[in-house]
Amino acid sequence: MKSTKQIWQKWSVAVKVLPLMVVVATLKLLSHKFGLEVMELNALFSSLVAGTIFLIGFLISGVLSDYKESEKIPSELTASMRVMLDDAYTIWKSKNSETARQFIEFEKIFMNLLMNWFYKKERTKSLLEKLGRMNDFFAELDKEGIQPAYIIKMKNEQNNIRKLIMRIDTIRDTDFIGSAYAIVEAMGVLTGFGLIVIKIEPFYASLFFTLLVTFLISYMVFLIIDLDNPFDYSAKGEGGTEVSLKPLRDLEIVFSEFELN
């Protein structure tokens, strides 16, 4: 099952392109049959294809830089959550602090809310308000005389979690240069149309190159759109081009098995 899932993730974009390839092949066959191939291959059309490839390269470089940054976020969130868990456990173990015990239970609830938020089952505003409730525990720990270093460290991790949540929210709600998408999509359509009405002999060579160029351009456009939102779990789950939530899933297991003896 794991192997099948990996294969699907690898070829999912190609599968999306297949219906388009069928449409283009059908149009090319009809164009050839009814004598609608009215253009000749020339340098101007080759420049159009080259320009389309250049714009795709520009888009993919910008989207990939954001994607590589996004890959780090789940691990950073996991590290911050784990640090607060360890500190709260240390305080509870050394001081037998009731507030620290309650904070650990609160963290378990927050962890579930965080995972639901990734799937858009929880609103960002609600999650941030829940995160802000940690301040009540920090105030109680201060009243209990817990060392300020612990509280300051936990406050820093809270702030880091807040920044990461807001960063994810911005990434998944913001498209990368929408006007650039528009021009690439328009040029892709024009290139596909040109290939359909251009006459190249022999016909099967023309059909092959039409499908090949159409496949490459459409595949890259679909890939860029997928990469532009690496946190789209509500639509596709944790697969395809989405950033892996494995570090957070592993921490979720730690929380579920964590017991205060």
Protein backbone atom coordinates (compact mmCIF):
# COMPACT_ATOMS: atom_id res chain seq x y z
CA MET A 1 0.00 0.00 0.00
CA LYS A 2 2.86 2.34 0.80
CA SER A 3 4.46 1.61 -2.56
CA THR A 4 1.17 2.31 -4.36
CA LYS A 5 0.78 5.60 -2.50
CA GLN A 6 4.31 6.64 -3.43
CA ILE A 7 3.69 5.81 -7.08
CA TRP A 8 0.46 7.84 -7.05
CA GLN A 9 2.22 10.81 -5.43
CA LYS A 10 4.94 10.63 -8.08
CA TRP A 11 2.58 10.49 -11.07
CA SER A 12 -0.48 12.36 -9.77
CA VAL A 13 0.29 15.51 -11.79
CA ALA A 14 0.82 13.47 -14.96
CA VAL A 15 -2.58 11.80 -14.45
CA LYS A 16 -4.23 15.24 -14.19
CA VAL A 17 -2.73 16.17 -17.57
CA LEU A 18 -4.00 13.05 -19.40
CA PRO A 19 -7.56 14.34 -20.12
CA LEU A 20 -6.05 17.46 -21.67
CA MET A 21 -3.77 15.30 -23.83
CA VAL A 22 -6.79 13.36 -25.11
CA VAL A 23 -8.54 16.62 -26.05
CA VAL A 24 -5.45 17.98 -27.84
CA ALA A 25 -4.91 14.69 -29.73
CA THR A 26 -8.57 14.68 -30.83
CA LEU A 27 -8.38 18.30 -32.03
CA LYS A 28 -5.13 17.60 -33.89
CA LEU A 29 -6.67 14.60 -35.67
CA LEU A 30 -9.76 16.62 -36.62
CA SER A 31 -7.60 19.52 -37.81
CA HIS A 32 -5.61 17.18 -40.05
CA LYS A 33 -8.69 15.37 -41.37
CA PHE A 34 -10.60 18.54 -42.32
CA GLY A 35 -7.58 20.43 -43.68
CA LEU A 36 -7.43 23.04 -40.91
CA GLU A 37 -3.63 22.91 -40.61
CA VAL A 38 -3.21 26.33 -42.18
CA MET A 39 0.11 27.43 -40.60
CA GLU A 40 3.69 26.55 -41.40
CA LEU A 41 6.33 26.03 -38.72
CA ASN A 42 8.51 29.17 -38.44
CA ALA A 43 11.00 30.90 -36.14
CA LEU A 44 8.32 33.19 -34.71
CA PHE A 45 6.37 30.24 -33.32
CA SER A 46 9.58 28.71 -31.92
CA SER A 47 10.16 32.02 -30.09
CA LEU A 48 6.67 31.75 -28.58
CA VAL A 49 7.45 28.27 -27.23
CA ALA A 50 10.83 29.49 -25.89
CA GLY A 51 9.14 32.46 -24.17
CA THR A 52 6.61 30.16 -22.54
CA ILE A 53 9.40 27.90 -21.23
CA PHE A 54 11.24 30.97 -19.88
CA LEU A 55 8.18 32.18 -17.96
CA ILE A 56 7.62 28.70 -16.55
CA GLY A 57 11.24 28.65 -15.35
CA PHE A 58 10.72 32.05 -13.69
CA LEU A 59 7.61 30.83 -11.88
CA ILE A 60 9.06 27.51 -10.78
CA SER A 61 12.17 29.15 -9.29
CA GLY A 62 10.05 31.53 -7.20
CA VAL A 63 7.60 28.87 -6.05
CA LEU A 64 10.36 26.38 -5.18
CA SER A 65 12.14 28.86 -2.89
CA ASP A 66 8.91 29.30 -0.88
CA TYR A 67 8.31 25.54 -0.93
CA LYS A 68 11.77 24.77 0.50
CA GLU A 69 11.09 27.26 3.30
CA SER A 70 7.70 25.67 3.95
CA GLU A 71 9.26 22.21 4.31
CA LYS A 72 11.02 23.38 7.49
CA ILE A 73 7.90 24.70 9.22
CA PRO A 74 6.39 21.41 10.54
CA SER A 75 9.76 20.45 12.09
CA GLU A 76 10.10 23.88 13.70
CA LEU A 77 6.56 23.68 15.08
CA THR A 78 7.31 20.21 16.45
CA ALA A 79 10.52 21.40 18.10
CA SER A 80 8.77 24.32 19.84
CA MET A 81 5.91 22.13 21.07
CA ARG A 82 8.35 19.48 22.33
CA VAL A 83 10.52 22.03 24.15
CA MET A 84 7.48 23.35 26.05
CA LEU A 85 6.41 19.79 26.88
CA ASP A 86 9.88 18.95 28.22
CA ASP A 87 10.08 22.14 30.29
CA ALA A 88 6.59 21.67 31.74
CA TYR A 89 7.42 18.06 32.59
CA THR A 90 10.68 19.13 34.27
CA ILE A 91 8.83 21.74 36.36
CA TRP A 92 6.14 19.23 37.34
CA LYS A 93 8.70 16.57 38.23
CA SER A 94 10.96 18.85 40.28
CA LYS A 95 8.36 21.12 41.91
CA ASN A 96 5.25 18.91 41.79
CA SER A 97 3.52 21.89 40.17
CA GLU A 98 -0.19 21.49 39.54
CA THR A 99 -0.04 24.32 36.98
CA ALA A 100 2.66 22.47 35.02
CA ARG A 101 0.49 19.33 34.97
CA GLN A 102 -2.48 21.32 33.70
CA PHE A 103 -0.29 22.96 31.08
CA ILE A 104 0.74 19.54 29.72
CA GLU A 105 -2.94 18.60 29.42
CA PHE A 106 -3.57 21.91 27.69
CA GLU A 107 -0.76 21.17 25.23
CA LYS A 108 -2.41 17.86 24.32
CA ILE A 109 -5.64 19.69 23.47
CA PHE A 110 -3.76 22.38 21.54
CA MET A 111 -1.94 19.69 19.54
CA ASN A 112 -5.28 18.24 18.36
CA LEU A 113 -6.54 21.72 17.47
CA LEU A 114 -3.35 22.40 15.51
CA MET A 115 -3.76 19.25 13.41
CA ASN A 116 -7.42 20.12 12.77
CA TRP A 117 -6.33 23.62 11.71
CA PHE A 118 -4.06 22.18 9.02
CA TYR A 119 -7.18 20.55 7.55
CA LYS A 120 -9.15 23.80 7.92
CA LYS A 121 -11.41 22.31 10.57
CA GLU A 122 -10.31 25.04 12.96
CA ARG A 123 -10.16 28.78 12.27
CA THR A 124 -6.84 30.62 12.51
CA LYS A 125 -8.31 33.24 14.84
CA SER A 126 -9.58 30.55 17.22
CA LEU A 127 -6.23 28.74 17.20
CA LEU A 128 -4.29 31.93 17.98
CA GLU A 129 -6.70 32.73 20.82
CA LYS A 130 -6.09 29.25 22.23
CA LEU A 131 -2.35 29.81 21.93
CA GLY A 132 -2.70 33.08 23.83
CA ARG A 133 -4.31 31.20 26.76
CA MET A 134 -0.87 29.80 27.54
CA ASN A 135 -0.15 33.16 29.16
CA ASP A 136 -2.52 32.24 32.01
CA PHE A 137 -0.37 29.20 32.81
CA PHE A 138 2.84 31.25 32.64
CA ALA A 139 1.36 33.76 35.09
CA GLU A 140 0.44 30.95 37.51
CA LEU A 141 3.92 29.43 37.21
CA ASP A 142 5.40 32.81 38.08
CA LYS A 143 3.17 32.99 41.19
CA GLU A 144 4.42 29.55 42.20
CA GLY A 145 7.97 30.89 42.17
CA ILE A 146 9.20 28.87 39.18
CA GLN A 147 12.56 30.04 37.85
CA PRO A 148 12.05 32.93 35.36
CA ALA A 149 14.39 31.22 32.87
CA TYR A 150 11.85 28.44 32.34
CA ILE A 151 8.97 30.86 31.81
CA ILE A 152 10.97 33.08 29.44
CA LYS A 153 12.02 30.04 27.41
CA MET A 154 8.45 28.82 27.13
CA LYS A 155 7.25 32.33 26.17
CA ASN A 156 9.83 32.40 23.37
CA GLU A 157 8.58 29.07 22.04
CA GLN A 158 4.99 30.33 22.22
CA ASN A 159 5.99 33.35 20.15
CA ASN A 160 7.76 31.12 17.64
CA ILE A 161 4.64 28.94 17.26
CA ARG A 162 2.53 32.05 16.70
CA LYS A 163 4.87 33.29 13.95
CA LEU A 164 4.87 29.90 12.22
CA ILE A 165 1.07 29.63 12.31
CA MET A 166 0.72 33.09 10.79
CA ARG A 167 3.33 32.24 8.17
CA ILE A 168 1.45 29.08 7.13
CA ASP A 169 -1.81 31.02 7.02
CA THR A 170 -0.23 33.60 4.70
CA ILE A 171 1.28 30.97 2.40
CA ARG A 172 -1.93 29.02 1.87
CA ASP A 173 -4.08 32.14 1.36
CA THR A 174 -1.71 33.96 -1.02
CA ASP A 175 -1.05 33.04 -4.66
CA PHE A 176 2.39 33.60 -6.15
CA ILE A 177 2.05 36.48 -8.67
CA GLY A 178 -1.39 35.78 -10.09
CA SER A 179 -0.74 37.89 -13.21
CA ALA A 180 2.28 35.70 -14.03
CA TYR A 181 0.02 32.63 -13.86
CA ALA A 182 -2.39 34.33 -16.25
CA ILE A 183 0.22 35.06 -18.92
CA VAL A 184 1.74 31.57 -18.69
CA GLU A 185 -1.69 29.96 -19.01
CA ALA A 186 -2.55 32.23 -21.96
CA MET A 187 0.73 31.45 -23.73
CA GLY A 188 0.24 27.75 -23.06
CA VAL A 189 -3.20 27.85 -24.69
CA LEU A 190 -1.85 29.80 -27.67
CA THR A 191 1.04 27.36 -28.06
CA GLY A 192 -1.35 24.40 -27.95
CA PHE A 193 -3.63 26.05 -30.52
CA GLY A 194 -0.66 26.81 -32.76
CA LEU A 195 0.55 23.22 -32.64
CA ILE A 196 -2.92 22.00 -33.60
CA VAL A 197 -3.12 24.18 -36.74
CA ILE A 198 0.55 23.95 -37.80
CA LYS A 199 1.28 21.55 -40.63
CA ILE A 200 4.31 19.31 -40.16
CA GLU A 201 5.06 16.31 -42.34
CA PRO A 202 4.78 13.44 -41.70
CA PHE A 203 1.55 13.80 -39.73
CA TYR A 204 2.45 11.33 -36.98
CA ALA A 205 5.63 13.29 -36.23
CA SER A 206 3.44 16.41 -35.98
CA LEU A 207 1.06 14.61 -33.61
CA PHE A 208 3.95 13.37 -31.47
CA PHE A 209 5.56 16.80 -31.06
CA THR A 210 2.18 18.45 -30.45
CA LEU A 211 1.44 16.07 -27.59
CA LEU A 212 4.99 16.26 -26.22
CA VAL A 213 5.14 20.07 -26.04
CA THR A 214 1.57 20.28 -24.71
CA PHE A 215 2.35 17.69 -22.05
CA LEU A 216 5.51 19.47 -20.88
CA ILE A 217 3.88 22.91 -20.64
CA SER A 218 0.64 21.74 -19.01
CA TYR A 219 2.52 19.45 -16.60
CA MET A 220 4.72 22.32 -15.39
CA VAL A 221 1.74 24.66 -14.98
CA PHE A 222 -0.15 22.07 -12.91
CA LEU A 223 3.00 21.39 -10.86
CA ILE A 224 3.55 25.08 -10.12
CA ILE A 225 -0.08 25.49 -9.02
CA ASP A 226 0.30 22.49 -6.68
CA LEU A 227 3.61 23.73 -5.25
CA ASP A 228 2.20 27.21 -4.67
CA ASN A 229 0.11 25.91 -1.76
CA PRO A 230 2.11 23.23 0.08
CA PHE A 231 -0.39 23.21 2.98
CA ASP A 232 -3.53 22.27 1.04
CA TYR A 233 -4.39 19.24 3.20
CA SER A 234 -8.14 19.92 3.28
CA ALA A 235 -8.43 19.12 -0.44
CA LYS A 236 -5.78 16.43 -1.00
CA GLY A 237 -4.64 15.13 2.38
CA GLU A 238 -1.00 14.51 3.21
CA GLY A 239 0.20 13.42 -0.20
CA GLY A 240 1.28 14.68 -3.60
CA THR A 241 3.17 17.96 -3.39
CA GLU A 242 2.00 18.89 0.13
CA VAL A 243 4.62 19.35 2.85
CA SER A 244 4.92 16.29 5.08
CA LEU A 245 3.38 16.57 8.54
CA LYS A 246 5.25 13.50 9.79
CA PRO A 247 7.15 15.37 12.56
CA LEU A 248 3.85 16.65 13.96
CA ARG A 249 2.19 13.24 13.55
CA ASP A 250 5.05 11.67 15.52
CA LEU A 251 4.67 14.30 18.25
CA GLU A 252 0.92 13.65 18.31
CA ILE A 253 1.71 10.01 19.14
CA VAL A 254 4.10 11.15 21.90
CA PHE A 255 1.32 13.28 23.42
CA SER A 256 -1.20 10.44 23.22
CA GLU A 257 1.21 8.08 25.02
CA PHE A 258 2.45 10.67 27.52
CA GLU A 259 1.34 9.96 31.08
CA LEU A 260 2.09 11.74 34.33
CA ASN A 261 2.95 9.12 36.93
